[in-house]
Structure formats: C-alpha cells, structure tokens
C-alpha cells in the first residue's frame, strides 16, 4: 500500500499513514518477480536521503516499480501531460519553488536509475486519467499511469476526463511490463 498526495494532505502529513501501513518503501518478491514500492506522494517534499540510498542499492534487481506519482507522463493528454514527480501545470507558490526544484532533481535521478536498471514497468497513480507509454529512452520500459476511481475532481465530474475506473495488473512470464 502506498499513500497518495490526498491521503497525506487529509492526514496532515505521513504520520497517520505510517502508523497504519508502515514504511512507504519496500521490496516484495512473488513468483520470482521483484516489486519495489516507493512512496513519492508528498508533493514538493523531497524523498529522504536514506530512502534514496535504499532505492539506489536495490533498483538493479527490480522488475516492476510501483510509485505514488509518475516519473514520466508524456503520453497523457492535457491537463496531465508533463505532470510528474516535482512538476505541475501551474507554478506553485514561490515559497515552494525551491523544494519543487529539489523534487524534480530527485525525479531526474530516479528515472535515470530506472532506465539503466532491469525495471520493465513503472506503475503510478496520482492522475485522473489512465495511460500507458513506452519510455522514450529505454524502449523495454513502459510507464503505466492509473486513473481515478472517483466521480468528481474539484467539483467537476470526472467523466469529462475519463469514466471512473480501476486497473488490474496481469503478469505473464514472457511479457512482464506489457500487460
């Protein structure tokens, strides 16, 4: 389980989430497939150096990376195109600008590590539209962004963007990441 940005906002930080679900980063192996879960949900808040160090140590032995926020979204239609970890459509409050730039630098480091690793797919939430994109640098890597199951966003019906939905991940031994 990973929190989303709204989970943290409504809890006023990660403390409540961590008390219930524990750390937001861990590795799970199922049927010789290695999953890594990495919480990057706190908008404009850099991931702790100890967590980045852990991630760097284990990323080379990972098949599927599960994130709270995407690290690549070029294939999404507006308003979500180019919205990824540390990036937004509108500029944040100037007080947050320095943290936003730090988070974007972290995102750049993370995506480079992922592209250079054995990761076959990145699966992320945080958007209200589902999409799948082949990575432009590593064609063996796909980015899956999961849409919303809610019916409303800022008072507007979600059906203007996409019908409410959820995603099911099927993994086939000969096609990890292309399901």
C-alpha atoms as a PDB file:
ATOM      1  CA  UNK A   1       0.000   0.000   0.000  1.00  0.00           C
ATOM      2  CA  UNK A   2       1.255   3.484  -0.885  1.00  0.00           C
ATOM      3  CA  UNK A   3      -0.349   6.789   0.082  1.00  0.00           C
ATOM      4  CA  UNK A   4      -1.450   9.376  -2.433  1.00  0.00           C
ATOM      5  CA  UNK A   5      -0.989  13.107  -2.035  1.00  0.00           C
ATOM      6  CA  UNK A   6      -4.577  13.477  -0.785  1.00  0.00           C
ATOM      7  CA  UNK A   7      -4.029  10.759   1.831  1.00  0.00           C
ATOM      8  CA  UNK A   8      -1.170  12.796   3.256  1.00  0.00           C
ATOM      9  CA  UNK A   9      -2.975  16.132   2.968  1.00  0.00           C
ATOM     10  CA  UNK A  10      -6.052  14.850   4.793  1.00  0.00           C
ATOM     11  CA  UNK A  11      -3.859  13.265   7.469  1.00  0.00           C
ATOM     12  CA  UNK A  12      -1.706  16.407   7.791  1.00  0.00           C
ATOM     13  CA  UNK A  13       1.464  14.533   6.911  1.00  0.00           C
ATOM     14  CA  UNK A  14       2.633  10.928   6.701  1.00  0.00           C
ATOM     15  CA  UNK A  15       2.500  10.046  10.436  1.00  0.00           C
ATOM     16  CA  UNK A  16      -1.010   8.535  10.418  1.00  0.00           C
ATOM     17  CA  UNK A  17      -0.360   6.576   7.246  1.00  0.00           C
ATOM     18  CA  UNK A  18       2.938   5.170   8.574  1.00  0.00           C
ATOM     19  CA  UNK A  19       1.281   4.143  11.870  1.00  0.00           C
ATOM     20  CA  UNK A  20      -1.259   2.050   9.958  1.00  0.00           C
ATOM     21  CA  UNK A  21       0.683   0.817   6.915  1.00  0.00           C
ATOM     22  CA  UNK A  22       4.340   1.170   7.996  1.00  0.00           C
ATOM     23  CA  UNK A  23       7.099   2.428   5.704  1.00  0.00           C
ATOM     24  CA  UNK A  24       6.293   3.722   2.237  1.00  0.00           C
ATOM     25  CA  UNK A  25       9.159   1.854   0.621  1.00  0.00           C
ATOM     26  CA  UNK A  26       9.699  -1.877   0.464  1.00  0.00           C
ATOM     27  CA  UNK A  27      10.519  -4.761  -1.831  1.00  0.00           C
ATOM     28  CA  UNK A  28       8.314  -7.801  -2.424  1.00  0.00           C
ATOM     29  CA  UNK A  29       9.108 -10.889  -4.476  1.00  0.00           C
ATOM     30  CA  UNK A  30       6.292 -13.007  -5.925  1.00  0.00           C
ATOM     31  CA  UNK A  31       6.960 -15.942  -8.234  1.00  0.00           C
ATOM     32  CA  UNK A  32      10.494 -14.643  -8.970  1.00  0.00           C
ATOM     33  CA  UNK A  33       9.179 -11.186  -9.910  1.00  0.00           C
ATOM     34  CA  UNK A  34      10.614  -8.354  -7.818  1.00  0.00           C
ATOM     35  CA  UNK A  35       8.327  -5.434  -6.997  1.00  0.00           C
ATOM     36  CA  UNK A  36       9.539  -2.253  -5.336  1.00  0.00           C
ATOM     37  CA  UNK A  37       7.085   0.158  -3.753  1.00  0.00           C
ATOM     38  CA  UNK A  38       8.345   3.717  -3.343  1.00  0.00           C
ATOM     39  CA  UNK A  39       6.294   6.488  -1.735  1.00  0.00           C
ATOM     40  CA  UNK A  40       6.844   9.751  -3.608  1.00  0.00           C
ATOM     41  CA  UNK A  41       3.392  11.130  -2.796  1.00  0.00           C
ATOM     42  CA  UNK A  42       4.302  14.239  -0.796  1.00  0.00           C
ATOM     43  CA  UNK A  43       4.157  16.949  -3.457  1.00  0.00           C
ATOM     44  CA  UNK A  44       7.144  19.323  -3.285  1.00  0.00           C
ATOM     45  CA  UNK A  45       8.731  17.277  -0.482  1.00  0.00           C
ATOM     46  CA  UNK A  46      11.996  15.521  -1.345  1.00  0.00           C
ATOM     47  CA  UNK A  47      12.321  11.839  -0.520  1.00  0.00           C
ATOM     48  CA  UNK A  48      14.613  11.258   2.455  1.00  0.00           C
ATOM     49  CA  UNK A  49      18.273  10.611   1.570  1.00  0.00           C
ATOM     50  CA  UNK A  50      18.174   7.268   3.443  1.00  0.00           C
ATOM     51  CA  UNK A  51      15.249   6.148   1.262  1.00  0.00           C
ATOM     52  CA  UNK A  52      17.021   7.251  -1.930  1.00  0.00           C
ATOM     53  CA  UNK A  53      20.121   5.334  -0.807  1.00  0.00           C
ATOM     54  CA  UNK A  54      17.996   2.205  -0.200  1.00  0.00           C
ATOM     55  CA  UNK A  55      16.381   2.640  -3.636  1.00  0.00           C
ATOM     56  CA  UNK A  56      19.764   3.010  -5.358  1.00  0.00           C
ATOM     57  CA  UNK A  57      21.010  -0.166  -3.650  1.00  0.00           C
ATOM     58  CA  UNK A  58      18.106  -2.383  -4.762  1.00  0.00           C
ATOM     59  CA  UNK A  59      16.920  -0.952  -8.112  1.00  0.00           C
ATOM     60  CA  UNK A  60      19.147  -3.154 -10.274  1.00  0.00           C
ATOM     61  CA  UNK A  61      17.267  -6.271  -9.162  1.00  0.00           C
ATOM     62  CA  UNK A  62      13.713  -4.980  -9.761  1.00  0.00           C
ATOM     63  CA  UNK A  63      11.130  -5.925 -12.391  1.00  0.00           C
ATOM     64  CA  UNK A  64       8.209  -3.629 -11.504  1.00  0.00           C
ATOM     65  CA  UNK A  65       8.388  -0.257  -9.738  1.00  0.00           C
ATOM     66  CA  UNK A  66       5.213   0.962  -8.031  1.00  0.00           C
ATOM     67  CA  UNK A  67       5.073   4.701  -7.246  1.00  0.00           C
ATOM     68  CA  UNK A  68       2.556   7.127  -5.798  1.00  0.00           C
ATOM     69  CA  UNK A  69       3.279   9.721  -8.520  1.00  0.00           C
ATOM     70  CA  UNK A  70       4.504   9.135 -12.063  1.00  0.00           C
ATOM     71  CA  UNK A  71       8.069   9.922 -13.094  1.00  0.00           C
ATOM     72  CA  UNK A  72       7.138  10.125 -16.795  1.00  0.00           C
ATOM     73  CA  UNK A  73       3.825  11.143 -18.393  1.00  0.00           C
ATOM     74  CA  UNK A  74       4.424  12.424 -21.932  1.00  0.00           C
ATOM     75  CA  UNK A  75       1.637  10.307 -23.384  1.00  0.00           C
ATOM     76  CA  UNK A  76      -1.119  11.816 -21.232  1.00  0.00           C
ATOM     77  CA  UNK A  77      -3.442  14.407 -22.684  1.00  0.00           C
ATOM     78  CA  UNK A  78      -3.776  17.831 -21.151  1.00  0.00           C
ATOM     79  CA  UNK A  79      -4.203  18.824 -18.356  1.00  0.00           C
ATOM     80  CA  UNK A  80      -1.949  15.934 -17.206  1.00  0.00           C
ATOM     81  CA  UNK A  81       0.740  15.985 -19.887  1.00  0.00           C
ATOM     82  CA  UNK A  82       4.160  16.705 -18.382  1.00  0.00           C
ATOM     83  CA  UNK A  83       2.783  16.344 -14.836  1.00  0.00           C
ATOM     84  CA  UNK A  84       5.155  14.087 -12.954  1.00  0.00           C
ATOM     85  CA  UNK A  85       7.036  13.980  -9.670  1.00  0.00           C
ATOM     86  CA  UNK A  86       8.020  17.586  -8.901  1.00  0.00           C
ATOM     87  CA  UNK A  87       6.128  19.109 -11.809  1.00  0.00           C
ATOM     88  CA  UNK A  88       2.739  20.756 -12.160  1.00  0.00           C
ATOM     89  CA  UNK A  89       0.749  22.553 -14.828  1.00  0.00           C
ATOM     90  CA  UNK A  90       0.863  25.803 -12.869  1.00  0.00           C
ATOM     91  CA  UNK A  91       3.762  27.238 -10.905  1.00  0.00           C
ATOM     92  CA  UNK A  92       3.479  26.606  -7.181  1.00  0.00           C
ATOM     93  CA  UNK A  93       3.680  29.317  -4.582  1.00  0.00           C
ATOM     94  CA  UNK A  94       7.202  30.853  -4.736  1.00  0.00           C
ATOM     95  CA  UNK A  95       7.847  29.546  -1.214  1.00  0.00           C
ATOM     96  CA  UNK A  96       7.569  26.005  -2.578  1.00  0.00           C
ATOM     97  CA  UNK A  97       9.672  26.637  -5.685  1.00  0.00           C
ATOM     98  CA  UNK A  98      12.991  25.568  -4.121  1.00  0.00           C
ATOM     99  CA  UNK A  99      11.503  22.291  -2.856  1.00  0.00           C
ATOM    100  CA  UNK A 100       9.837  21.707  -6.228  1.00  0.00           C
ATOM    101  CA  UNK A 101      13.210  22.041  -7.933  1.00  0.00           C
ATOM    102  CA  UNK A 102      14.795  19.614  -5.434  1.00  0.00           C
ATOM    103  CA  UNK A 103      11.990  17.097  -6.049  1.00  0.00           C
ATOM    104  CA  UNK A 104      12.387  17.439  -9.834  1.00  0.00           C
ATOM    105  CA  UNK A 105      16.130  16.793  -9.497  1.00  0.00           C
ATOM    106  CA  UNK A 106      15.329  13.694  -7.437  1.00  0.00           C
ATOM    107  CA  UNK A 107      12.873  12.594 -10.108  1.00  0.00           C
ATOM    108  CA  UNK A 108      15.573  13.024 -12.762  1.00  0.00           C
ATOM    109  CA  UNK A 109      17.947  10.872 -10.698  1.00  0.00           C
ATOM    110  CA  UNK A 110      15.266   8.216 -10.104  1.00  0.00           C
ATOM    111  CA  UNK A 111      14.222   7.964 -13.746  1.00  0.00           C
ATOM    112  CA  UNK A 112      17.860   7.674 -14.851  1.00  0.00           C
ATOM    113  CA  UNK A 113      18.419   4.820 -12.375  1.00  0.00           C
ATOM    114  CA  UNK A 114      15.207   3.128 -13.559  1.00  0.00           C
ATOM    115  CA  UNK A 115      16.113   3.473 -17.242  1.00  0.00           C
ATOM    116  CA  UNK A 116      19.553   1.968 -16.573  1.00  0.00           C
ATOM    117  CA  UNK A 117      18.167  -0.916 -14.495  1.00  0.00           C
ATOM    118  CA  UNK A 118      16.257  -4.136 -15.098  1.00  0.00           C
ATOM    119  CA  UNK A 119      12.885  -2.458 -14.386  1.00  0.00           C
ATOM    120  CA  UNK A 120      10.392  -3.383 -17.085  1.00  0.00           C
ATOM    121  CA  UNK A 121       7.447  -1.276 -15.952  1.00  0.00           C
ATOM    122  CA  UNK A 122       6.705   1.687 -13.716  1.00  0.00           C
ATOM    123  CA  UNK A 123       3.168   1.802 -12.337  1.00  0.00           C
ATOM    124  CA  UNK A 124       1.991   5.039 -10.729  1.00  0.00           C
ATOM    125  CA  UNK A 125      -1.173   6.724  -9.575  1.00  0.00           C
ATOM    126  CA  UNK A 126      -1.907  10.367  -8.738  1.00  0.00           C
ATOM    127  CA  UNK A 127      -3.593  11.225 -12.026  1.00  0.00           C
ATOM    128  CA  UNK A 128      -7.212  11.133 -13.027  1.00  0.00           C
ATOM    129  CA  UNK A 129      -6.586   9.585 -16.430  1.00  0.00           C
ATOM    130  CA  UNK A 130      -5.125   6.169 -17.219  1.00  0.00           C
ATOM    131  CA  UNK A 131      -2.380   5.762 -19.800  1.00  0.00           C
ATOM    132  CA  UNK A 132       0.448   3.527 -20.967  1.00  0.00           C
ATOM    133  CA  UNK A 133       3.605   4.830 -22.633  1.00  0.00           C
ATOM    134  CA  UNK A 134       6.811   3.294 -23.894  1.00  0.00           C
ATOM    135  CA  UNK A 135       9.777   5.096 -22.385  1.00  0.00           C
ATOM    136  CA  UNK A 136      11.491   7.330 -24.986  1.00  0.00           C
ATOM    137  CA  UNK A 137      14.988   6.446 -23.720  1.00  0.00           C
ATOM    138  CA  UNK A 138      14.553   2.737 -22.883  1.00  0.00           C
ATOM    139  CA  UNK A 139      12.095   1.034 -25.238  1.00  0.00           C
ATOM    140  CA  UNK A 140      11.956  -2.036 -22.947  1.00  0.00           C
ATOM    141  CA  UNK A 141      10.414   0.101 -20.190  1.00  0.00           C
ATOM    142  CA  UNK A 142       6.718   1.021 -20.014  1.00  0.00           C
ATOM    143  CA  UNK A 143       5.055   3.639 -17.829  1.00  0.00           C
ATOM    144  CA  UNK A 144       1.533   2.883 -16.609  1.00  0.00           C
ATOM    145  CA  UNK A 145      -0.415   5.734 -15.039  1.00  0.00           C
ATOM    146  CA  UNK A 146      -3.595   4.682 -13.268  1.00  0.00           C
ATOM    147  CA  UNK A 147      -6.731   6.762 -13.473  1.00  0.00           C
ATOM    148  CA  UNK A 148      -9.148   7.753 -10.793  1.00  0.00           C
ATOM    149  CA  UNK A 149     -11.997   5.754  -9.337  1.00  0.00           C
ATOM    150  CA  UNK A 150     -13.632   8.930  -8.063  1.00  0.00           C
ATOM    151  CA  UNK A 151     -16.527  10.612  -9.790  1.00  0.00           C
ATOM    152  CA  UNK A 152     -15.542  14.216  -9.126  1.00  0.00           C
ATOM    153  CA  UNK A 153     -12.439  16.433  -9.220  1.00  0.00           C
ATOM    154  CA  UNK A 154     -12.592  19.952  -7.793  1.00  0.00           C
ATOM    155  CA  UNK A 155     -16.353  19.892  -8.169  1.00  0.00           C
ATOM    156  CA  UNK A 156     -16.187  18.830 -11.830  1.00  0.00           C
ATOM    157  CA  UNK A 157     -17.395  15.420 -12.987  1.00  0.00           C
ATOM    158  CA  UNK A 158     -14.531  13.030 -13.784  1.00  0.00           C
ATOM    159  CA  UNK A 159     -16.401  11.769 -16.864  1.00  0.00           C
ATOM    160  CA  UNK A 160     -15.212  14.963 -18.578  1.00  0.00           C
ATOM    161  CA  UNK A 161     -11.717  13.427 -18.472  1.00  0.00           C
ATOM    162  CA  UNK A 162     -12.427   9.692 -18.337  1.00  0.00           C
ATOM    163  CA  UNK A 163     -15.019   7.405 -16.793  1.00  0.00           C
ATOM    164  CA  UNK A 164     -14.258   6.244 -13.235  1.00  0.00           C
ATOM    165  CA  UNK A 165     -12.149   3.083 -13.376  1.00  0.00           C
ATOM    166  CA  UNK A 166      -9.622   0.871 -11.736  1.00  0.00           C
ATOM    167  CA  UNK A 167      -6.809  -1.165 -13.207  1.00  0.00           C
ATOM    168  CA  UNK A 168      -5.921  -4.843 -12.982  1.00  0.00           C
ATOM    169  CA  UNK A 169      -2.335  -5.914 -13.492  1.00  0.00           C
ATOM    170  CA  UNK A 170      -1.854  -9.248 -15.253  1.00  0.00           C
ATOM    171  CA  UNK A 171       1.675 -10.552 -15.397  1.00  0.00           C
ATOM    172  CA  UNK A 172       2.741 -13.116 -17.964  1.00  0.00           C
ATOM    173  CA  UNK A 173       6.191 -14.626 -17.607  1.00  0.00           C
ATOM    174  CA  UNK A 174       7.091 -13.781 -21.212  1.00  0.00           C
ATOM    175  CA  UNK A 175       5.739 -10.226 -21.177  1.00  0.00           C
ATOM    176  CA  UNK A 176       6.496  -8.521 -17.844  1.00  0.00           C
ATOM    177  CA  UNK A 177       5.554  -4.860 -18.167  1.00  0.00           C
ATOM    178  CA  UNK A 178       3.475  -5.213 -21.333  1.00  0.00           C
ATOM    179  CA  UNK A 179       0.287  -6.463 -19.612  1.00  0.00           C
END
